C-alpha cells in the first residue's frame, strides 16, 4: 500500500506526484491488472508459451544478419 505524508507547506500537486511515483515503484497497478480476472491454468500455460515464442522471435530477429532473406530468390521477387 502506497502511503505518503503531506507536509504543511507542500502543494497538493507535488504530493500527488510523489504518490504516483510511489504507486509506480511499488508496482501496485501492475499487480492489480494481473489479478483483475481469473485465468484457468491451461489458458495461463498457453499464454506463457505464446509470450516465450514472441520473446524468442524478437531475440532471433535482432541476431540475424541484415543481408540474408528468408526466401530463396531475394527480397519478395518471384511473384
N, C-alpha and C. Protein backbone atom coordinates (compact mmCIF):
# COMPACT_ATOMS: atom_id res chain seq x y z
N UNK A 1 0.84 -1.17 0.00
CA UNK A 1 0.00 0.00 0.00
C UNK A 1 0.89 1.24 0.00
N UNK A 2 0.60 2.14 -0.91
CA UNK A 2 1.37 3.37 -1.03
C UNK A 2 0.84 4.38 -0.02
N UNK A 3 1.73 4.86 0.81
CA UNK A 3 1.34 5.81 1.85
C UNK A 3 2.33 6.96 1.85
N UNK A 4 1.83 8.17 1.74
CA UNK A 4 2.69 9.35 1.82
C UNK A 4 2.11 10.31 2.84
N UNK A 5 2.96 11.14 3.38
CA UNK A 5 2.53 12.15 4.32
C UNK A 5 2.75 13.51 3.68
N UNK A 6 1.71 14.34 3.69
CA UNK A 6 1.78 15.66 3.07
C UNK A 6 2.34 16.64 4.10
N UNK A 7 3.39 17.36 3.71
CA UNK A 7 3.98 18.37 4.59
C UNK A 7 3.09 19.60 4.66
N UNK A 8 3.29 20.44 5.67
CA UNK A 8 2.45 21.63 5.86
C UNK A 8 2.54 22.60 4.70
N UNK A 9 3.74 22.83 4.20
CA UNK A 9 3.91 23.83 3.14
C UNK A 9 4.00 23.19 1.76
N UNK A 10 3.55 21.96 1.60
CA UNK A 10 3.63 21.26 0.33
C UNK A 10 2.31 21.40 -0.43
N UNK A 11 2.41 21.61 -1.74
CA UNK A 11 1.19 21.74 -2.54
C UNK A 11 0.60 20.36 -2.82
N UNK A 12 -0.67 20.36 -3.16
CA UNK A 12 -1.38 19.11 -3.47
C UNK A 12 -0.77 18.46 -4.71
N UNK A 13 -0.39 19.27 -5.70
CA UNK A 13 0.17 18.74 -6.94
C UNK A 13 1.47 17.96 -6.68
N UNK A 14 2.35 18.52 -5.85
CA UNK A 14 3.61 17.82 -5.58
C UNK A 14 3.37 16.56 -4.75
N UNK A 15 2.42 16.60 -3.84
CA UNK A 15 2.09 15.40 -3.06
C UNK A 15 1.51 14.32 -3.97
N UNK A 16 0.68 14.73 -4.92
CA UNK A 16 0.10 13.78 -5.86
C UNK A 16 1.17 13.16 -6.75
N UNK A 17 2.14 13.97 -7.19
CA UNK A 17 3.26 13.45 -7.98
C UNK A 17 4.06 12.43 -7.19
N UNK A 18 4.32 12.72 -5.90
CA UNK A 18 5.05 11.76 -5.05
C UNK A 18 4.26 10.47 -4.90
N UNK A 19 2.94 10.60 -4.73
CA UNK A 19 2.09 9.42 -4.59
C UNK A 19 2.12 8.57 -5.86
N UNK A 20 2.01 9.21 -7.02
CA UNK A 20 2.04 8.47 -8.29
C UNK A 20 3.38 7.75 -8.46
N UNK A 21 4.49 8.40 -8.13
CA UNK A 21 5.80 7.76 -8.23
C UNK A 21 5.90 6.55 -7.31
N UNK A 22 5.34 6.68 -6.12
CA UNK A 22 5.39 5.58 -5.16
C UNK A 22 4.54 4.41 -5.64
N UNK A 23 3.36 4.69 -6.22
CA UNK A 23 2.50 3.64 -6.75
C UNK A 23 3.21 2.90 -7.89
N UNK A 24 3.87 3.63 -8.77
CA UNK A 24 4.60 3.02 -9.87
C UNK A 24 5.77 2.19 -9.35
N UNK A 25 6.51 2.70 -8.39
CA UNK A 25 7.67 1.97 -7.88
C UNK A 25 7.28 0.71 -7.13
N UNK A 26 6.12 0.70 -6.48
CA UNK A 26 5.66 -0.49 -5.76
C UNK A 26 4.89 -1.44 -6.67
N UNK A 27 4.71 -1.08 -7.93
CA UNK A 27 4.03 -1.90 -8.94
C UNK A 27 2.62 -2.31 -8.52
N UNK A 28 1.89 -1.40 -7.92
CA UNK A 28 0.54 -1.67 -7.46
C UNK A 28 -0.41 -1.84 -8.64
N UNK A 29 -0.31 -0.99 -9.65
CA UNK A 29 -1.19 -1.05 -10.81
C UNK A 29 -0.94 -2.35 -11.59
N UNK A 30 0.33 -2.70 -11.74
CA UNK A 30 0.68 -3.93 -12.47
C UNK A 30 0.09 -5.15 -11.77
N UNK A 31 0.18 -5.18 -10.46
CA UNK A 31 -0.36 -6.30 -9.69
C UNK A 31 -1.88 -6.33 -9.76
N UNK A 32 -2.50 -5.16 -9.75
CA UNK A 32 -3.96 -5.07 -9.83
C UNK A 32 -4.46 -5.61 -11.17
N UNK A 33 -3.78 -5.26 -12.26
CA UNK A 33 -4.17 -5.77 -13.58
C UNK A 33 -3.96 -7.27 -13.68
N UNK A 34 -2.92 -7.76 -13.03
CA UNK A 34 -2.63 -9.19 -13.07
C UNK A 34 -3.73 -10.00 -12.38
N UNK A 35 -4.29 -9.47 -11.30
CA UNK A 35 -5.31 -10.17 -10.54
C UNK A 35 -6.72 -9.70 -10.87
N UNK A 36 -6.90 -8.98 -11.96
CA UNK A 36 -8.20 -8.42 -12.29
C UNK A 36 -9.21 -9.49 -12.69
N UNK A 37 -8.75 -10.56 -13.34
CA UNK A 37 -9.67 -11.61 -13.76
C UNK A 37 -8.96 -12.96 -13.66
N UNK A 38 -9.75 -14.00 -13.52
CA UNK A 38 -9.23 -15.36 -13.36
C UNK A 38 -8.87 -15.95 -14.71
N UNK A 39 -7.68 -16.53 -14.79
CA UNK A 39 -7.25 -17.23 -15.99
C UNK A 39 -7.06 -18.70 -15.62
N UNK A 40 -7.77 -19.62 -16.29
CA UNK A 40 -7.60 -21.04 -15.99
C UNK A 40 -6.16 -21.49 -16.22
N UNK A 41 -5.73 -22.53 -15.50
CA UNK A 41 -4.34 -22.97 -15.63
C UNK A 41 -3.92 -23.34 -17.05
N UNK A 42 -4.81 -23.96 -17.82
CA UNK A 42 -4.48 -24.31 -19.21
C UNK A 42 -4.27 -23.08 -20.06
N UNK A 43 -5.13 -22.09 -19.86
CA UNK A 43 -5.02 -20.83 -20.61
C UNK A 43 -3.75 -20.09 -20.21
N UNK A 44 -3.40 -20.14 -18.92
CA UNK A 44 -2.20 -19.48 -18.43
C UNK A 44 -0.95 -20.10 -19.07
N UNK A 45 -0.94 -21.43 -19.22
CA UNK A 45 0.20 -22.11 -19.84
C UNK A 45 0.31 -21.73 -21.31
N UNK A 46 -0.82 -21.65 -22.01
CA UNK A 46 -0.79 -21.25 -23.42
C UNK A 46 -0.26 -19.82 -23.57
N UNK A 47 -0.70 -18.94 -22.67
CA UNK A 47 -0.25 -17.55 -22.71
C UNK A 47 1.24 -17.45 -22.45
N UNK A 48 1.72 -18.24 -21.48
CA UNK A 48 3.14 -18.23 -21.15
C UNK A 48 3.96 -18.72 -22.35
N UNK A 49 3.48 -19.76 -23.01
CA UNK A 49 4.16 -20.31 -24.18
C UNK A 49 4.17 -19.30 -25.33
N UNK A 50 3.05 -18.65 -25.55
CA UNK A 50 2.96 -17.65 -26.63
C UNK A 50 3.90 -16.48 -26.36
N UNK A 51 3.97 -16.04 -25.11
CA UNK A 51 4.88 -14.95 -24.77
C UNK A 51 6.34 -15.36 -24.97
N UNK A 52 6.67 -16.61 -24.65
CA UNK A 52 8.04 -17.10 -24.85
C UNK A 52 8.38 -17.14 -26.34
N UNK A 53 7.42 -17.60 -27.17
CA UNK A 53 7.67 -17.62 -28.62
C UNK A 53 7.90 -16.21 -29.14
N UNK A 54 7.08 -15.27 -28.68
CA UNK A 54 7.22 -13.88 -29.13
C UNK A 54 8.58 -13.31 -28.71
N UNK A 55 8.98 -13.61 -27.46
CA UNK A 55 10.26 -13.13 -26.96
C UNK A 55 11.41 -13.70 -27.78
N UNK A 56 11.36 -15.00 -28.07
CA UNK A 56 12.42 -15.63 -28.85
C UNK A 56 12.46 -15.11 -30.28
N UNK A 57 11.29 -14.86 -30.86
CA UNK A 57 11.23 -14.32 -32.22
C UNK A 57 11.92 -12.97 -32.27
N UNK A 58 11.66 -12.12 -31.30
CA UNK A 58 12.31 -10.80 -31.25
C UNK A 58 13.81 -10.95 -31.09
N UNK A 59 14.21 -11.86 -30.22
CA UNK A 59 15.63 -12.05 -29.94
C UNK A 59 16.38 -12.54 -31.18
N UNK A 60 15.80 -13.50 -31.92
CA UNK A 60 16.46 -14.04 -33.11
C UNK A 60 16.40 -13.08 -34.27
N UNK A 61 15.38 -12.25 -34.35
CA UNK A 61 15.28 -11.27 -35.43
C UNK A 61 16.41 -10.27 -35.33
N UNK A 62 16.81 -9.90 -34.12
CA UNK A 62 17.90 -8.94 -33.95
C UNK A 62 19.26 -9.56 -34.25
N UNK A 63 19.40 -10.87 -34.06
CA UNK A 63 20.68 -11.52 -34.28
C UNK A 63 20.94 -11.88 -35.73
N UNK A 64 19.88 -11.96 -36.57
CA UNK A 64 20.03 -12.37 -37.95
C UNK A 64 20.77 -11.29 -38.75
N UNK A 65 21.67 -11.66 -39.65
CA UNK A 65 22.37 -10.65 -40.47
C UNK A 65 21.39 -9.90 -41.37
N UNK A 66 21.74 -8.69 -41.72
CA UNK A 66 20.84 -7.82 -42.49
C UNK A 66 20.68 -8.28 -43.94
N UNK A 67 21.71 -8.88 -44.56
CA UNK A 67 21.63 -9.19 -45.99
C UNK A 67 21.01 -10.55 -46.28
N UNK A 68 20.68 -11.35 -45.29
CA UNK A 68 20.06 -12.65 -45.56
C UNK A 68 18.55 -12.47 -45.67
N UNK A 69 17.94 -13.22 -46.57
CA UNK A 69 16.50 -13.15 -46.74
C UNK A 69 15.90 -14.51 -46.40
N UNK A 70 14.68 -14.55 -45.91
CA UNK A 70 14.09 -15.82 -45.51
C UNK A 70 13.75 -16.74 -46.68
N UNK A 71 13.53 -16.17 -47.89
CA UNK A 71 13.17 -16.97 -49.07
C UNK A 71 14.29 -16.98 -50.08
N UNK A 72 14.43 -18.07 -50.83
CA UNK A 72 15.40 -18.04 -51.93
C UNK A 72 14.87 -17.14 -53.04
N UNK A 73 15.73 -16.44 -53.71
CA UNK A 73 15.32 -15.58 -54.79
C UNK A 73 15.33 -14.10 -54.44
N UNK A 74 15.62 -13.75 -53.21
CA UNK A 74 15.78 -12.36 -52.87
C UNK A 74 14.61 -11.76 -52.14
N UNK A 75 14.49 -10.46 -52.25
CA UNK A 75 13.54 -9.70 -51.47
C UNK A 75 12.18 -9.64 -52.14
N UNK A 76 11.36 -10.64 -51.97
CA UNK A 76 9.98 -10.62 -52.45
C UNK A 76 9.84 -10.80 -53.95
N UNK A 77 10.87 -11.27 -54.61
CA UNK A 77 10.78 -11.48 -56.05
C UNK A 77 10.19 -12.84 -56.35
N UNK A 78 9.69 -13.04 -57.54
CA UNK A 78 9.22 -14.32 -57.97
C UNK A 78 7.70 -14.47 -57.86
N UNK A 79 7.00 -13.38 -57.79
CA UNK A 79 5.53 -13.45 -57.73
C UNK A 79 4.96 -13.50 -59.09
